[in-house]
N, C-alpha and C. Protein backbone atom coordinates (compact mmCIF):
# COMPACT_ATOMS: atom_id res chain seq x y z
N MET A 1 39.51 -36.37 8.02
CA MET A 1 39.10 -34.96 7.99
C MET A 1 37.83 -34.91 7.09
N CYS A 2 36.81 -34.08 7.60
CA CYS A 2 35.61 -33.89 6.82
C CYS A 2 35.74 -32.75 5.78
N ALA A 3 35.19 -33.03 4.66
CA ALA A 3 35.13 -31.91 3.70
C ALA A 3 34.02 -30.99 4.06
N VAL A 4 34.22 -29.69 3.85
CA VAL A 4 33.16 -28.68 4.16
C VAL A 4 32.27 -28.64 3.01
N LYS A 5 30.99 -28.74 3.27
CA LYS A 5 29.94 -28.70 2.25
C LYS A 5 29.50 -27.22 2.12
N HIS A 6 29.65 -26.69 0.95
CA HIS A 6 29.23 -25.27 0.63
C HIS A 6 27.81 -25.33 0.21
N LYS A 7 27.11 -24.29 0.80
CA LYS A 7 25.75 -24.03 0.39
C LYS A 7 25.74 -23.59 -1.11
N ARG A 8 24.50 -23.92 -1.80
CA ARG A 8 24.46 -23.53 -3.17
C ARG A 8 23.73 -22.20 -3.45
N ASN A 9 24.02 -21.60 -4.50
CA ASN A 9 23.36 -20.36 -4.88
C ASN A 9 22.17 -20.73 -5.86
N ALA A 10 21.05 -19.98 -5.69
CA ALA A 10 19.89 -20.30 -6.49
C ALA A 10 19.34 -18.96 -7.14
N VAL A 11 18.64 -19.13 -8.17
CA VAL A 11 17.79 -18.08 -8.69
C VAL A 11 16.37 -18.53 -8.59
N PHE A 12 15.51 -17.96 -7.82
CA PHE A 12 14.16 -18.29 -7.71
C PHE A 12 13.35 -17.46 -8.72
N LEU A 13 12.55 -18.11 -9.59
CA LEU A 13 11.77 -17.53 -10.59
C LEU A 13 10.30 -17.71 -10.38
N ASP A 14 9.55 -16.60 -10.46
CA ASP A 14 8.07 -16.69 -10.61
C ASP A 14 7.85 -17.39 -11.98
N ARG A 15 6.66 -18.01 -12.12
CA ARG A 15 6.42 -18.68 -13.41
C ARG A 15 5.77 -17.78 -14.44
N ASP A 16 4.45 -17.40 -14.02
CA ASP A 16 3.70 -16.66 -15.05
C ASP A 16 4.10 -15.21 -15.18
N GLY A 17 4.39 -14.79 -16.41
CA GLY A 17 4.94 -13.43 -16.61
C GLY A 17 6.34 -13.32 -16.56
N VAL A 18 7.09 -14.38 -16.18
CA VAL A 18 8.57 -14.42 -16.14
C VAL A 18 9.11 -15.51 -17.05
N ILE A 19 8.59 -16.74 -17.03
CA ILE A 19 9.06 -17.81 -17.88
C ILE A 19 8.03 -18.07 -19.00
N VAL A 20 6.86 -17.97 -18.60
CA VAL A 20 5.64 -18.23 -19.60
C VAL A 20 4.77 -17.01 -19.68
N ALA A 21 4.17 -16.78 -20.78
CA ALA A 21 3.28 -15.66 -21.01
C ALA A 21 2.12 -15.86 -19.95
N ASP A 22 1.67 -14.75 -19.40
CA ASP A 22 0.60 -14.72 -18.34
C ASP A 22 -0.67 -14.32 -18.94
N LYS A 23 -1.51 -15.23 -19.24
CA LYS A 23 -2.91 -14.90 -19.69
C LYS A 23 -3.90 -14.97 -18.54
N GLY A 24 -3.41 -15.13 -17.35
CA GLY A 24 -4.39 -15.22 -16.19
C GLY A 24 -4.66 -16.66 -15.83
N TYR A 25 -4.34 -17.08 -14.72
CA TYR A 25 -4.59 -18.44 -14.17
C TYR A 25 -4.18 -19.50 -15.18
N MET A 26 -2.97 -19.51 -15.46
CA MET A 26 -2.35 -20.41 -16.48
C MET A 26 -2.44 -21.86 -16.02
N HIS A 27 -3.10 -22.74 -16.87
CA HIS A 27 -3.19 -24.10 -16.53
C HIS A 27 -3.46 -25.03 -17.75
N LYS A 28 -3.91 -24.42 -18.80
CA LYS A 28 -4.19 -25.21 -20.03
C LYS A 28 -2.91 -25.21 -20.95
N ILE A 29 -2.54 -26.41 -21.35
CA ILE A 29 -1.42 -26.53 -22.23
C ILE A 29 -1.69 -25.84 -23.54
N SER A 30 -2.93 -25.71 -23.94
CA SER A 30 -3.24 -24.96 -25.15
C SER A 30 -2.91 -23.45 -25.06
N ASP A 31 -2.88 -22.96 -23.90
CA ASP A 31 -2.46 -21.54 -23.62
C ASP A 31 -0.97 -21.34 -23.42
N PHE A 32 -0.24 -22.44 -23.39
CA PHE A 32 1.12 -22.33 -23.00
C PHE A 32 1.97 -21.58 -24.07
N ARG A 33 2.85 -20.65 -23.67
CA ARG A 33 3.75 -20.04 -24.51
C ARG A 33 4.92 -19.57 -23.71
N LEU A 34 6.07 -20.15 -24.06
CA LEU A 34 7.34 -19.68 -23.41
C LEU A 34 7.62 -18.29 -23.80
N LEU A 35 7.97 -17.35 -22.87
CA LEU A 35 8.39 -16.01 -23.28
C LEU A 35 9.75 -16.08 -23.99
N SER A 36 9.96 -15.22 -24.96
CA SER A 36 11.13 -15.28 -25.78
C SER A 36 12.38 -15.19 -24.88
N GLU A 37 13.33 -15.95 -25.22
CA GLU A 37 14.61 -15.94 -24.52
C GLU A 37 14.57 -16.53 -23.09
N SER A 38 13.42 -16.93 -22.55
CA SER A 38 13.37 -17.50 -21.23
C SER A 38 14.22 -18.81 -21.11
N ALA A 39 14.10 -19.65 -22.16
CA ALA A 39 14.86 -20.90 -22.18
C ALA A 39 16.41 -20.60 -22.17
N ASN A 40 16.81 -19.66 -23.05
CA ASN A 40 18.20 -19.26 -23.13
C ASN A 40 18.66 -18.66 -21.78
N ALA A 41 17.80 -17.85 -21.15
CA ALA A 41 18.17 -17.23 -19.89
C ALA A 41 18.40 -18.36 -18.74
N ILE A 42 17.55 -19.31 -18.78
CA ILE A 42 17.65 -20.43 -17.77
C ILE A 42 18.87 -21.28 -18.06
N LYS A 43 19.14 -21.46 -19.31
CA LYS A 43 20.27 -22.24 -19.71
C LYS A 43 21.59 -21.50 -19.22
N LYS A 44 21.62 -20.21 -19.33
CA LYS A 44 22.77 -19.40 -18.87
C LYS A 44 22.97 -19.61 -17.31
N LEU A 45 21.86 -19.62 -16.58
CA LEU A 45 21.93 -19.83 -15.11
C LEU A 45 22.44 -21.25 -14.83
N ASN A 46 21.97 -22.25 -15.56
CA ASN A 46 22.40 -23.63 -15.37
C ASN A 46 23.93 -23.71 -15.63
N SER A 47 24.41 -23.06 -16.66
CA SER A 47 25.82 -23.11 -16.96
C SER A 47 26.68 -22.39 -15.97
N ALA A 48 26.09 -21.38 -15.32
CA ALA A 48 26.85 -20.67 -14.25
C ALA A 48 26.73 -21.31 -12.84
N GLY A 49 26.10 -22.44 -12.85
CA GLY A 49 26.04 -23.26 -11.53
C GLY A 49 24.91 -22.88 -10.62
N PHE A 50 24.03 -22.02 -10.98
CA PHE A 50 22.88 -21.63 -10.14
C PHE A 50 21.83 -22.72 -10.12
N LEU A 51 21.22 -23.04 -9.05
CA LEU A 51 20.07 -23.86 -9.07
C LEU A 51 18.89 -22.91 -9.58
N VAL A 52 18.01 -23.51 -10.37
CA VAL A 52 16.84 -22.63 -10.89
C VAL A 52 15.57 -23.29 -10.31
N ILE A 53 14.93 -22.46 -9.48
CA ILE A 53 13.81 -22.99 -8.78
C ILE A 53 12.59 -22.06 -8.96
N VAL A 54 11.45 -22.62 -9.43
CA VAL A 54 10.20 -21.83 -9.66
C VAL A 54 9.51 -21.77 -8.39
N ILE A 55 9.04 -20.55 -8.08
CA ILE A 55 8.25 -20.29 -6.86
C ILE A 55 7.01 -19.55 -7.30
N THR A 56 5.85 -20.28 -7.22
CA THR A 56 4.66 -19.70 -7.84
C THR A 56 3.36 -19.77 -7.06
N ASN A 57 2.70 -18.72 -6.98
CA ASN A 57 1.34 -18.75 -6.33
C ASN A 57 0.35 -19.29 -7.33
N GLN A 58 -0.45 -20.28 -6.99
CA GLN A 58 -1.44 -20.81 -7.93
C GLN A 58 -2.83 -20.83 -7.26
N SER A 59 -3.34 -19.58 -6.95
CA SER A 59 -4.61 -19.50 -6.31
C SER A 59 -5.78 -19.94 -7.14
N GLY A 60 -5.63 -20.13 -8.44
CA GLY A 60 -6.67 -20.67 -9.26
C GLY A 60 -7.11 -22.04 -8.78
N ILE A 61 -6.19 -22.80 -8.08
CA ILE A 61 -6.61 -24.03 -7.52
C ILE A 61 -7.59 -23.78 -6.34
N ALA A 62 -7.29 -22.90 -5.51
CA ALA A 62 -8.20 -22.60 -4.36
C ALA A 62 -9.54 -22.06 -4.88
N ARG A 63 -9.50 -21.31 -5.91
CA ARG A 63 -10.65 -20.64 -6.52
C ARG A 63 -11.52 -21.68 -7.33
N GLY A 64 -11.01 -22.92 -7.43
CA GLY A 64 -11.80 -23.92 -8.17
C GLY A 64 -11.69 -23.78 -9.72
N MET A 65 -10.78 -23.06 -10.19
CA MET A 65 -10.71 -22.82 -11.62
C MET A 65 -9.90 -23.92 -12.39
N TYR A 66 -9.07 -24.66 -11.57
CA TYR A 66 -8.36 -25.80 -12.12
C TYR A 66 -7.88 -26.65 -10.97
N THR A 67 -7.29 -27.77 -11.15
CA THR A 67 -6.88 -28.68 -10.15
C THR A 67 -5.35 -28.67 -9.97
N GLU A 68 -4.88 -29.30 -8.88
CA GLU A 68 -3.44 -29.50 -8.79
C GLU A 68 -2.91 -30.34 -9.89
N ASP A 69 -3.69 -31.33 -10.34
CA ASP A 69 -3.26 -32.17 -11.44
C ASP A 69 -3.14 -31.35 -12.72
N ASP A 70 -4.07 -30.53 -13.03
CA ASP A 70 -3.97 -29.59 -14.15
C ASP A 70 -2.67 -28.80 -14.16
N MET A 71 -2.31 -28.22 -12.95
CA MET A 71 -1.18 -27.42 -12.83
C MET A 71 0.18 -28.28 -12.99
N HIS A 72 0.08 -29.46 -12.44
CA HIS A 72 1.29 -30.36 -12.65
C HIS A 72 1.55 -30.72 -14.06
N LYS A 73 0.43 -31.00 -14.78
CA LYS A 73 0.56 -31.24 -16.23
C LYS A 73 1.12 -30.08 -16.94
N PHE A 74 0.66 -28.84 -16.61
CA PHE A 74 1.19 -27.62 -17.24
C PHE A 74 2.64 -27.45 -16.93
N ASN A 75 3.00 -27.72 -15.67
CA ASN A 75 4.44 -27.56 -15.30
C ASN A 75 5.30 -28.57 -16.02
N ALA A 76 4.84 -29.86 -16.12
CA ALA A 76 5.62 -30.92 -16.80
C ALA A 76 5.73 -30.51 -18.33
N HIS A 77 4.71 -29.93 -18.90
CA HIS A 77 4.91 -29.46 -20.31
C HIS A 77 6.03 -28.32 -20.40
N MET A 78 5.97 -27.39 -19.47
CA MET A 78 6.95 -26.33 -19.48
C MET A 78 8.31 -26.86 -19.33
N ILE A 79 8.49 -27.81 -18.40
CA ILE A 79 9.81 -28.46 -18.22
C ILE A 79 10.29 -29.08 -19.50
N SER A 80 9.38 -29.85 -20.08
CA SER A 80 9.72 -30.55 -21.33
C SER A 80 10.17 -29.54 -22.46
N GLU A 81 9.37 -28.56 -22.52
CA GLU A 81 9.67 -27.51 -23.57
C GLU A 81 11.01 -26.82 -23.35
N LEU A 82 11.32 -26.60 -22.06
CA LEU A 82 12.61 -25.92 -21.77
C LEU A 82 13.77 -26.90 -22.00
N LYS A 83 13.54 -28.15 -21.68
CA LYS A 83 14.61 -29.16 -21.95
C LYS A 83 15.00 -29.29 -23.40
N LYS A 84 13.98 -29.12 -24.27
CA LYS A 84 14.25 -29.05 -25.77
C LYS A 84 15.34 -28.07 -26.10
N SER A 85 15.49 -27.01 -25.28
CA SER A 85 16.40 -25.95 -25.57
C SER A 85 17.70 -26.13 -24.66
N GLY A 86 17.71 -27.23 -23.88
CA GLY A 86 18.88 -27.42 -23.00
C GLY A 86 18.75 -26.75 -21.68
N ALA A 87 17.59 -26.21 -21.30
CA ALA A 87 17.36 -25.53 -20.08
C ALA A 87 16.76 -26.42 -19.01
N THR A 88 17.20 -26.29 -17.77
CA THR A 88 16.67 -27.18 -16.69
C THR A 88 16.13 -26.36 -15.50
N ILE A 89 14.99 -26.75 -15.16
CA ILE A 89 14.36 -26.23 -13.83
C ILE A 89 14.68 -27.33 -12.80
N ASP A 90 15.28 -26.90 -11.68
CA ASP A 90 15.70 -27.93 -10.64
C ASP A 90 14.54 -28.25 -9.77
N ALA A 91 13.62 -27.44 -9.56
CA ALA A 91 12.46 -27.74 -8.69
C ALA A 91 11.37 -26.64 -8.82
N ILE A 92 10.11 -27.10 -8.56
CA ILE A 92 9.01 -26.11 -8.60
C ILE A 92 8.33 -26.28 -7.23
N TYR A 93 8.03 -25.09 -6.65
CA TYR A 93 7.27 -25.00 -5.42
C TYR A 93 6.04 -24.16 -5.72
N PHE A 94 4.85 -24.51 -5.28
CA PHE A 94 3.63 -23.76 -5.54
C PHE A 94 2.83 -23.65 -4.29
N CYS A 95 2.03 -22.62 -4.23
CA CYS A 95 1.07 -22.37 -3.21
C CYS A 95 -0.30 -22.41 -3.85
N PRO A 96 -1.18 -23.40 -3.43
CA PRO A 96 -2.53 -23.44 -3.99
C PRO A 96 -3.59 -22.76 -3.16
N HIS A 97 -3.13 -22.00 -2.08
CA HIS A 97 -4.08 -21.48 -1.15
C HIS A 97 -4.56 -19.98 -1.46
N HIS A 98 -5.63 -19.70 -0.85
CA HIS A 98 -6.14 -18.30 -0.85
C HIS A 98 -7.04 -18.24 0.34
N ASN A 99 -6.78 -17.21 1.19
CA ASN A 99 -7.52 -17.11 2.49
C ASN A 99 -8.84 -16.44 2.39
N LYS A 100 -9.13 -15.68 1.22
CA LYS A 100 -10.34 -14.93 1.17
C LYS A 100 -11.25 -15.39 -0.03
N GLU A 101 -10.73 -15.83 -1.14
CA GLU A 101 -11.46 -16.09 -2.32
C GLU A 101 -11.47 -17.59 -2.76
N ALA A 102 -11.13 -18.50 -1.78
CA ALA A 102 -11.21 -19.93 -2.03
C ALA A 102 -12.58 -20.44 -2.16
N LYS A 103 -12.75 -21.24 -3.13
CA LYS A 103 -14.08 -21.90 -3.30
C LYS A 103 -13.88 -23.39 -2.98
N VAL A 104 -12.62 -23.92 -2.86
CA VAL A 104 -12.34 -25.21 -2.55
C VAL A 104 -11.90 -25.29 -1.06
N GLU A 105 -12.70 -25.79 -0.20
CA GLU A 105 -12.47 -25.70 1.29
C GLU A 105 -11.03 -25.95 1.76
N LYS A 106 -10.51 -27.10 1.27
CA LYS A 106 -9.17 -27.49 1.75
C LYS A 106 -8.05 -26.53 1.50
N TYR A 107 -8.27 -25.60 0.47
CA TYR A 107 -7.24 -24.64 0.17
C TYR A 107 -7.60 -23.30 0.77
N SER A 108 -8.67 -23.15 1.56
CA SER A 108 -9.01 -21.91 2.16
C SER A 108 -8.30 -21.71 3.42
N LYS A 109 -7.10 -21.02 3.39
CA LYS A 109 -6.39 -20.74 4.60
C LYS A 109 -5.36 -19.70 4.39
N ASP A 110 -4.97 -19.05 5.52
CA ASP A 110 -3.89 -18.06 5.50
C ASP A 110 -2.62 -18.85 5.83
N CYS A 111 -1.95 -19.21 4.73
CA CYS A 111 -0.70 -20.10 4.88
C CYS A 111 0.49 -19.24 5.02
N ASP A 112 1.68 -19.82 5.14
CA ASP A 112 2.99 -19.23 5.19
C ASP A 112 3.67 -19.31 3.79
N CYS A 113 2.97 -19.95 2.82
CA CYS A 113 3.70 -20.13 1.51
C CYS A 113 3.19 -19.19 0.46
N ARG A 114 2.02 -18.51 0.56
CA ARG A 114 1.61 -17.64 -0.40
C ARG A 114 2.45 -16.34 -0.46
N LYS A 115 3.11 -16.03 -1.49
CA LYS A 115 3.88 -14.82 -1.65
C LYS A 115 2.90 -13.67 -1.45
N PRO A 116 3.21 -12.62 -0.62
CA PRO A 116 4.60 -12.25 -0.26
C PRO A 116 5.29 -12.99 0.90
N LYS A 117 4.54 -13.86 1.57
CA LYS A 117 5.14 -14.65 2.56
C LYS A 117 6.29 -15.57 1.96
N PRO A 118 7.28 -15.86 2.74
CA PRO A 118 8.48 -16.55 2.09
C PRO A 118 8.55 -18.12 2.25
N GLY A 119 7.43 -18.71 2.64
CA GLY A 119 7.45 -20.15 2.97
C GLY A 119 7.93 -21.07 1.88
N MET A 120 7.62 -20.77 0.66
CA MET A 120 8.08 -21.61 -0.37
C MET A 120 9.61 -21.48 -0.61
N ILE A 121 10.08 -20.29 -0.47
CA ILE A 121 11.59 -20.11 -0.59
C ILE A 121 12.32 -20.75 0.59
N LEU A 122 11.79 -20.60 1.76
CA LEU A 122 12.38 -21.29 2.92
C LEU A 122 12.37 -22.73 2.78
N LYS A 123 11.38 -23.33 2.28
CA LYS A 123 11.24 -24.79 2.06
C LYS A 123 12.34 -25.24 1.05
N ALA A 124 12.38 -24.52 -0.02
CA ALA A 124 13.39 -24.87 -1.13
C ALA A 124 14.79 -24.65 -0.53
N ALA A 125 15.04 -23.69 0.28
CA ALA A 125 16.38 -23.48 0.83
C ALA A 125 16.81 -24.61 1.65
N LYS A 126 15.84 -25.12 2.42
CA LYS A 126 16.16 -26.18 3.39
C LYS A 126 16.40 -27.48 2.48
N GLU A 127 15.49 -27.70 1.64
CA GLU A 127 15.59 -29.04 0.83
C GLU A 127 16.81 -29.06 -0.10
N HIS A 128 17.26 -27.90 -0.55
CA HIS A 128 18.38 -27.87 -1.51
C HIS A 128 19.64 -27.22 -1.00
N ASP A 129 19.75 -26.97 0.33
CA ASP A 129 20.89 -26.42 0.91
C ASP A 129 21.37 -25.18 0.29
N ILE A 130 20.48 -24.18 0.26
CA ILE A 130 20.70 -22.95 -0.50
C ILE A 130 21.14 -21.76 0.42
N ASP A 131 22.12 -21.05 0.01
CA ASP A 131 22.51 -19.84 0.63
C ASP A 131 21.64 -18.64 0.21
N LEU A 132 20.66 -18.31 0.98
CA LEU A 132 19.76 -17.32 0.54
C LEU A 132 20.35 -15.89 0.31
N ASN A 133 21.37 -15.60 1.15
CA ASN A 133 22.07 -14.28 0.96
C ASN A 133 22.85 -14.15 -0.39
N SER A 134 23.14 -15.25 -1.01
CA SER A 134 23.82 -15.20 -2.30
C SER A 134 22.90 -15.61 -3.49
N SER A 135 21.62 -15.61 -3.16
CA SER A 135 20.61 -16.06 -4.17
C SER A 135 19.77 -14.88 -4.56
N TRP A 136 18.94 -15.09 -5.57
CA TRP A 136 18.14 -14.05 -6.25
C TRP A 136 16.65 -14.48 -6.35
N MET A 137 15.73 -13.56 -6.23
CA MET A 137 14.34 -13.82 -6.53
C MET A 137 14.00 -12.93 -7.77
N VAL A 138 13.44 -13.49 -8.80
CA VAL A 138 13.09 -12.77 -10.04
C VAL A 138 11.58 -12.91 -10.23
N GLY A 139 10.84 -11.84 -10.30
CA GLY A 139 9.39 -11.93 -10.45
C GLY A 139 8.83 -10.67 -11.15
N ASP A 140 7.52 -10.66 -11.35
CA ASP A 140 6.92 -9.60 -12.03
C ASP A 140 5.83 -8.89 -11.14
N MET A 141 5.83 -9.28 -9.88
CA MET A 141 4.93 -8.69 -8.91
C MET A 141 5.72 -8.18 -7.65
N GLU A 142 5.21 -7.21 -6.98
CA GLU A 142 5.84 -6.74 -5.78
C GLU A 142 5.83 -7.88 -4.71
N SER A 143 4.83 -8.77 -4.73
CA SER A 143 4.82 -9.91 -3.81
C SER A 143 6.00 -10.82 -3.91
N ASP A 144 6.56 -10.98 -5.14
CA ASP A 144 7.78 -11.70 -5.41
C ASP A 144 8.95 -11.02 -4.74
N MET A 145 9.04 -9.65 -4.82
CA MET A 145 10.11 -8.95 -4.30
C MET A 145 10.10 -8.94 -2.70
N LYS A 146 8.90 -8.91 -2.20
CA LYS A 146 8.82 -8.96 -0.77
C LYS A 146 9.11 -10.27 -0.20
N ALA A 147 8.74 -11.34 -0.82
CA ALA A 147 9.12 -12.75 -0.53
C ALA A 147 10.64 -12.93 -0.58
N GLY A 148 11.19 -12.51 -1.54
CA GLY A 148 12.73 -12.58 -1.71
C GLY A 148 13.48 -11.84 -0.68
N LYS A 149 13.04 -10.57 -0.43
CA LYS A 149 13.74 -9.69 0.56
C LYS A 149 13.51 -10.32 1.99
N ALA A 150 12.39 -10.87 2.27
CA ALA A 150 12.09 -11.36 3.59
C ALA A 150 13.15 -12.47 3.99
N VAL A 151 13.76 -13.11 3.07
CA VAL A 151 14.74 -14.13 3.43
C VAL A 151 16.14 -13.72 3.03
N GLY A 152 16.34 -12.50 2.60
CA GLY A 152 17.71 -12.05 2.33
C GLY A 152 18.18 -12.14 0.94
N CYS A 153 17.35 -12.55 -0.06
CA CYS A 153 17.68 -12.65 -1.47
C CYS A 153 17.73 -11.27 -1.96
N LYS A 154 18.54 -11.10 -2.99
CA LYS A 154 18.51 -10.01 -3.89
C LYS A 154 17.37 -10.21 -4.91
N THR A 155 16.75 -9.04 -5.35
CA THR A 155 15.49 -9.21 -6.09
C THR A 155 15.55 -8.36 -7.43
N ILE A 156 14.96 -8.92 -8.46
CA ILE A 156 14.83 -8.25 -9.73
C ILE A 156 13.32 -8.26 -10.18
N MET A 157 12.82 -7.13 -10.53
CA MET A 157 11.40 -7.04 -11.02
C MET A 157 11.49 -7.07 -12.52
N ILE A 158 10.73 -8.02 -13.09
CA ILE A 158 10.49 -8.06 -14.57
C ILE A 158 9.36 -7.03 -14.87
N ASP A 159 9.71 -6.04 -15.57
CA ASP A 159 8.70 -5.06 -15.85
C ASP A 159 8.59 -4.63 -17.18
N GLY A 160 9.14 -5.36 -18.20
CA GLY A 160 9.23 -4.96 -19.57
C GLY A 160 7.93 -4.80 -20.19
N SER A 161 6.98 -5.76 -20.01
CA SER A 161 5.68 -5.73 -20.74
C SER A 161 4.77 -4.62 -20.15
N LYS A 162 4.98 -4.28 -18.93
CA LYS A 162 4.07 -3.36 -18.28
C LYS A 162 4.63 -1.86 -18.29
N GLY A 163 5.95 -1.81 -18.40
CA GLY A 163 6.56 -0.48 -18.25
C GLY A 163 6.54 0.00 -16.78
N ALA A 164 7.38 0.88 -16.46
CA ALA A 164 7.52 1.30 -15.09
C ALA A 164 6.20 2.03 -14.69
N ASN A 165 5.76 2.97 -15.43
CA ASN A 165 4.53 3.71 -15.22
C ASN A 165 4.42 4.16 -13.76
N GLY A 166 5.55 4.55 -13.21
CA GLY A 166 5.49 5.03 -11.83
C GLY A 166 5.21 4.02 -10.74
N ARG A 167 5.17 2.77 -11.15
CA ARG A 167 4.80 1.73 -10.13
C ARG A 167 5.94 1.64 -9.16
N GLN A 168 5.61 1.57 -7.90
CA GLN A 168 6.60 1.44 -6.81
C GLN A 168 7.02 0.00 -6.66
N THR A 169 8.37 -0.09 -6.47
CA THR A 169 8.90 -1.49 -6.24
C THR A 169 10.06 -1.35 -5.20
N THR A 170 10.27 -2.43 -4.53
CA THR A 170 11.33 -2.49 -3.55
C THR A 170 12.43 -3.28 -4.09
N ALA A 171 12.38 -3.66 -5.44
CA ALA A 171 13.40 -4.53 -6.06
C ALA A 171 14.78 -3.82 -6.00
N HIS A 172 15.74 -4.69 -6.00
CA HIS A 172 17.16 -4.19 -6.10
C HIS A 172 17.44 -3.75 -7.54
N ALA A 173 16.78 -4.31 -8.53
CA ALA A 173 16.90 -3.93 -9.94
C ALA A 173 15.63 -4.21 -10.63
N ILE A 174 15.54 -3.60 -11.94
CA ILE A 174 14.39 -3.74 -12.77
C ILE A 174 14.97 -4.20 -14.09
N ALA A 175 14.34 -5.23 -14.70
CA ALA A 175 14.75 -5.77 -16.05
C ALA A 175 13.53 -5.83 -16.98
N ASN A 176 13.82 -5.77 -18.21
CA ASN A 176 12.75 -5.86 -19.22
C ASN A 176 12.24 -7.30 -19.42
N ASP A 177 13.07 -8.28 -19.22
CA ASP A 177 12.64 -9.67 -19.38
C ASP A 177 13.63 -10.54 -18.60
N LEU A 178 13.37 -11.83 -18.58
CA LEU A 178 14.26 -12.74 -17.83
C LEU A 178 15.68 -12.76 -18.32
N ASN A 179 15.85 -12.62 -19.66
CA ASN A 179 17.20 -12.64 -20.23
C ASN A 179 18.01 -11.46 -19.72
N HIS A 180 17.44 -10.28 -19.65
CA HIS A 180 18.11 -9.15 -19.02
C HIS A 180 18.40 -9.27 -17.63
N ALA A 181 17.42 -9.93 -16.90
CA ALA A 181 17.61 -10.13 -15.43
C ALA A 181 18.80 -11.12 -15.26
N VAL A 182 18.85 -12.12 -16.00
CA VAL A 182 19.93 -13.09 -15.86
C VAL A 182 21.33 -12.45 -16.24
N ASP A 183 21.39 -11.64 -17.27
CA ASP A 183 22.58 -10.93 -17.56
C ASP A 183 23.09 -10.03 -16.40
N TYR A 184 22.10 -9.40 -15.73
CA TYR A 184 22.38 -8.57 -14.61
C TYR A 184 22.92 -9.40 -13.43
N ILE A 185 22.30 -10.53 -13.22
CA ILE A 185 22.81 -11.44 -12.13
C ILE A 185 24.20 -11.94 -12.41
N LEU A 186 24.46 -12.39 -13.60
CA LEU A 186 25.76 -12.87 -13.92
C LEU A 186 26.79 -11.90 -13.91
N ASN A 187 26.53 -10.60 -14.28
CA ASN A 187 27.47 -9.56 -14.16
C ASN A 187 27.77 -9.14 -12.69
N LYS A 188 26.70 -9.22 -11.94
CA LYS A 188 26.88 -8.84 -10.44
C LYS A 188 27.60 -9.92 -9.66
N ASP A 189 27.47 -11.16 -10.17
CA ASP A 189 28.00 -12.34 -9.45
C ASP A 189 29.45 -12.57 -9.71
N ARG A 190 30.10 -11.82 -10.56
CA ARG A 190 31.55 -12.00 -10.86
C ARG A 190 32.47 -11.52 -9.75
């Protein structure tokens, strides 16, 4: 008799403005700063059995502002800093493309991975056997919400630093920061 393999639940996180402070086109380790409680929030997701997967647009690569190698070094530093607090990122997916403002030819294209398109989420779901309808997308931009909703994820907009200011969102919920978003997810998932 074969055992039935169950799909996994995930929380997809945007990087800049959700896990790390967003100073615009983040790639220098000297600019790196974890947002308060982001490590604790990720640790709670780890303990609850969620995969934690970063889904990030990195158009600064296409714009020639930094390289993929610069981004990988920044991400490695982020992973290392999170691990110091016992928090684990299971995977990172990034889109280096921009179809209008690219200065680096090979990244100048209208791809299916740049949020709000859901290509990165779909790739992660396939590679990690994720149940998208039982998963969440957490981000600080409407493009994050649209990407998550396009594949059936529930969505949470991080809006604490900006305030609602009448900004329209299609998110299922709004949270002040990642820690509040995770508490919401864990309470909804019971």
